[in-house]
Amino acid sequence: MSIDNYYGLYVATCDICFENELDGEHSFYDAVAAKKEAGWKSKMIDGKWHDVCCHCQQRDDAPF
C-alpha cells in the first residue's frame, strides 16, 4: 500500500517511482483526499491498491 503511517502521520508515496510523496496527514482518509486533490490515480491490481503520482502517470509502464 502506498499510504504508510510514520510517527502518527499518514504519507502517500508513488508506487512507481517511490520518490514522490505527499505531505503527511493526521488520518488515513485525509491522506486519501490529499491524493485525489493532487491528481494522483489509484487502481487495485491483484488485490492491492497502487497509487501513481501525476508525473509517473505519463510513463509507458503506468498501470493506467
N, C-alpha and C. Protein backbone atom coordinates (compact mmCIF):
# COMPACT_ATOMS: atom_id res chain seq x y z
N MET A 1 0.85 -1.17 0.00
CA MET A 1 0.00 0.00 0.00
C MET A 1 0.89 1.23 0.00
N SER A 2 0.43 2.25 -0.61
CA SER A 2 1.27 3.42 -0.75
C SER A 2 0.98 4.51 0.27
N ILE A 3 0.12 4.26 1.23
CA ILE A 3 -0.07 5.19 2.34
C ILE A 3 0.43 4.48 3.59
N ASP A 4 1.48 5.02 4.16
CA ASP A 4 2.06 4.41 5.35
C ASP A 4 2.00 5.39 6.51
N ASN A 5 1.99 4.84 7.71
CA ASN A 5 1.94 5.64 8.92
C ASN A 5 3.36 5.79 9.47
N TYR A 6 3.83 7.03 9.50
CA TYR A 6 5.15 7.35 10.04
C TYR A 6 4.97 8.29 11.22
N TYR A 7 5.18 7.77 12.40
CA TYR A 7 5.13 8.59 13.62
C TYR A 7 3.83 9.37 13.74
N GLY A 8 2.72 8.72 13.40
CA GLY A 8 1.41 9.34 13.56
C GLY A 8 0.93 10.13 12.36
N LEU A 9 1.72 10.22 11.29
CA LEU A 9 1.29 10.90 10.07
C LEU A 9 1.18 9.88 8.94
N TYR A 10 0.14 10.01 8.14
CA TYR A 10 -0.09 9.14 7.01
C TYR A 10 0.47 9.79 5.76
N VAL A 11 1.42 9.11 5.12
CA VAL A 11 2.15 9.66 3.99
C VAL A 11 1.90 8.80 2.76
N ALA A 12 1.47 9.44 1.67
CA ALA A 12 1.27 8.75 0.40
C ALA A 12 2.56 8.81 -0.41
N THR A 13 2.95 7.66 -0.96
CA THR A 13 4.15 7.55 -1.79
C THR A 13 3.78 6.90 -3.10
N CYS A 14 4.31 7.40 -4.20
CA CYS A 14 4.03 6.84 -5.52
C CYS A 14 4.57 5.41 -5.59
N ASP A 15 3.73 4.50 -6.12
CA ASP A 15 4.12 3.09 -6.22
C ASP A 15 4.95 2.78 -7.45
N ILE A 16 5.23 3.78 -8.29
CA ILE A 16 6.09 3.54 -9.45
C ILE A 16 7.49 4.08 -9.18
N CYS A 17 7.60 5.37 -8.86
CA CYS A 17 8.94 5.95 -8.67
C CYS A 17 9.41 5.87 -7.22
N PHE A 18 8.51 5.73 -6.27
CA PHE A 18 8.82 5.67 -4.84
C PHE A 18 9.54 6.92 -4.35
N GLU A 19 9.58 7.97 -5.16
CA GLU A 19 10.25 9.21 -4.78
C GLU A 19 9.25 10.31 -4.43
N ASN A 20 8.18 10.38 -5.17
CA ASN A 20 7.20 11.43 -4.94
C ASN A 20 6.31 11.06 -3.76
N GLU A 21 6.30 11.96 -2.79
CA GLU A 21 5.48 11.78 -1.60
C GLU A 21 4.66 13.04 -1.38
N LEU A 22 3.50 12.86 -0.77
CA LEU A 22 2.69 14.00 -0.37
C LEU A 22 2.97 14.29 1.10
N ASP A 23 2.63 15.48 1.54
CA ASP A 23 2.80 15.84 2.94
C ASP A 23 1.99 14.89 3.82
N GLY A 24 2.48 14.64 5.00
CA GLY A 24 1.79 13.76 5.93
C GLY A 24 0.47 14.35 6.40
N GLU A 25 -0.51 13.48 6.59
CA GLU A 25 -1.83 13.87 7.07
C GLU A 25 -2.08 13.15 8.40
N HIS A 26 -3.00 13.67 9.18
CA HIS A 26 -3.26 13.10 10.51
C HIS A 26 -4.20 11.91 10.49
N SER A 27 -4.85 11.63 9.35
CA SER A 27 -5.69 10.44 9.26
C SER A 27 -5.51 9.80 7.89
N PHE A 28 -5.79 8.52 7.82
CA PHE A 28 -5.71 7.80 6.56
C PHE A 28 -6.63 8.43 5.52
N TYR A 29 -7.84 8.78 5.93
CA TYR A 29 -8.81 9.33 4.99
C TYR A 29 -8.41 10.72 4.49
N ASP A 30 -7.73 11.49 5.32
CA ASP A 30 -7.20 12.78 4.86
C ASP A 30 -6.10 12.56 3.83
N ALA A 31 -5.30 11.52 3.99
CA ALA A 31 -4.25 11.19 3.02
C ALA A 31 -4.86 10.77 1.70
N VAL A 32 -5.95 10.01 1.74
CA VAL A 32 -6.65 9.62 0.51
C VAL A 32 -7.19 10.86 -0.20
N ALA A 33 -7.78 11.77 0.56
CA ALA A 33 -8.31 13.01 -0.02
C ALA A 33 -7.19 13.84 -0.63
N ALA A 34 -6.04 13.88 0.02
CA ALA A 34 -4.89 14.64 -0.48
C ALA A 34 -4.40 14.07 -1.81
N LYS A 35 -4.40 12.74 -1.93
CA LYS A 35 -4.00 12.10 -3.20
C LYS A 35 -4.93 12.54 -4.32
N LYS A 36 -6.22 12.51 -4.06
CA LYS A 36 -7.20 12.90 -5.09
C LYS A 36 -7.03 14.36 -5.47
N GLU A 37 -6.85 15.21 -4.48
CA GLU A 37 -6.68 16.65 -4.75
C GLU A 37 -5.41 16.92 -5.55
N ALA A 38 -4.38 16.12 -5.35
CA ALA A 38 -3.11 16.30 -6.05
C ALA A 38 -3.13 15.70 -7.45
N GLY A 39 -4.20 15.00 -7.81
CA GLY A 39 -4.32 14.42 -9.14
C GLY A 39 -3.73 13.03 -9.29
N TRP A 40 -3.38 12.41 -8.16
CA TRP A 40 -2.87 11.05 -8.22
C TRP A 40 -3.99 10.09 -8.62
N LYS A 41 -3.63 8.98 -9.24
CA LYS A 41 -4.58 7.95 -9.63
C LYS A 41 -4.35 6.71 -8.78
N SER A 42 -5.44 6.00 -8.50
CA SER A 42 -5.36 4.75 -7.73
C SER A 42 -6.06 3.64 -8.50
N LYS A 43 -5.49 2.45 -8.40
CA LYS A 43 -6.08 1.30 -9.08
C LYS A 43 -5.74 0.05 -8.28
N MET A 44 -6.74 -0.85 -8.15
CA MET A 44 -6.49 -2.11 -7.48
C MET A 44 -5.95 -3.12 -8.50
N ILE A 45 -4.80 -3.69 -8.17
CA ILE A 45 -4.16 -4.69 -9.02
C ILE A 45 -3.81 -5.87 -8.14
N ASP A 46 -4.32 -7.03 -8.50
CA ASP A 46 -4.07 -8.26 -7.75
C ASP A 46 -4.41 -8.11 -6.27
N GLY A 47 -5.50 -7.41 -5.99
CA GLY A 47 -5.98 -7.28 -4.62
C GLY A 47 -5.28 -6.22 -3.78
N LYS A 48 -4.39 -5.44 -4.38
CA LYS A 48 -3.68 -4.39 -3.65
C LYS A 48 -3.85 -3.06 -4.38
N TRP A 49 -4.00 -1.97 -3.62
CA TRP A 49 -4.11 -0.65 -4.20
C TRP A 49 -2.74 -0.14 -4.60
N HIS A 50 -2.67 0.44 -5.80
CA HIS A 50 -1.46 1.07 -6.30
C HIS A 50 -1.79 2.52 -6.61
N ASP A 51 -0.94 3.42 -6.13
CA ASP A 51 -1.14 4.84 -6.32
C ASP A 51 0.00 5.40 -7.15
N VAL A 52 -0.36 6.26 -8.12
CA VAL A 52 0.61 6.77 -9.06
C VAL A 52 0.54 8.29 -9.09
N CYS A 53 1.69 8.94 -8.90
CA CYS A 53 1.75 10.40 -8.92
C CYS A 53 1.50 10.91 -10.35
N CYS A 54 1.27 12.20 -10.47
CA CYS A 54 0.97 12.80 -11.77
C CYS A 54 2.10 12.61 -12.77
N HIS A 55 3.33 12.73 -12.31
CA HIS A 55 4.48 12.56 -13.20
C HIS A 55 4.54 11.15 -13.77
N CYS A 56 4.38 10.15 -12.92
CA CYS A 56 4.50 8.76 -13.36
C CYS A 56 3.29 8.28 -14.17
N GLN A 57 2.19 8.97 -14.10
CA GLN A 57 1.02 8.59 -14.90
C GLN A 57 1.34 8.68 -16.39
N GLN A 58 2.33 9.49 -16.76
CA GLN A 58 2.71 9.67 -18.16
C GLN A 58 3.65 8.59 -18.67
N ARG A 59 4.18 7.77 -17.77
CA ARG A 59 5.14 6.74 -18.16
C ARG A 59 4.45 5.59 -18.88
N ASP A 60 5.20 4.92 -19.75
CA ASP A 60 4.67 3.79 -20.50
C ASP A 60 4.31 2.60 -19.61
N ASP A 61 4.98 2.46 -18.47
CA ASP A 61 4.73 1.31 -17.59
C ASP A 61 3.70 1.61 -16.51
N ALA A 62 3.03 2.77 -16.58
CA ALA A 62 1.99 3.10 -15.61
C ALA A 62 0.81 2.14 -15.79
N PRO A 63 0.18 1.73 -14.70
CA PRO A 63 -0.91 0.74 -14.81
C PRO A 63 -2.23 1.34 -15.27
N PHE A 64 -2.22 2.57 -15.79
CA PHE A 64 -3.46 3.22 -16.22
C PHE A 64 -3.47 3.47 -17.70
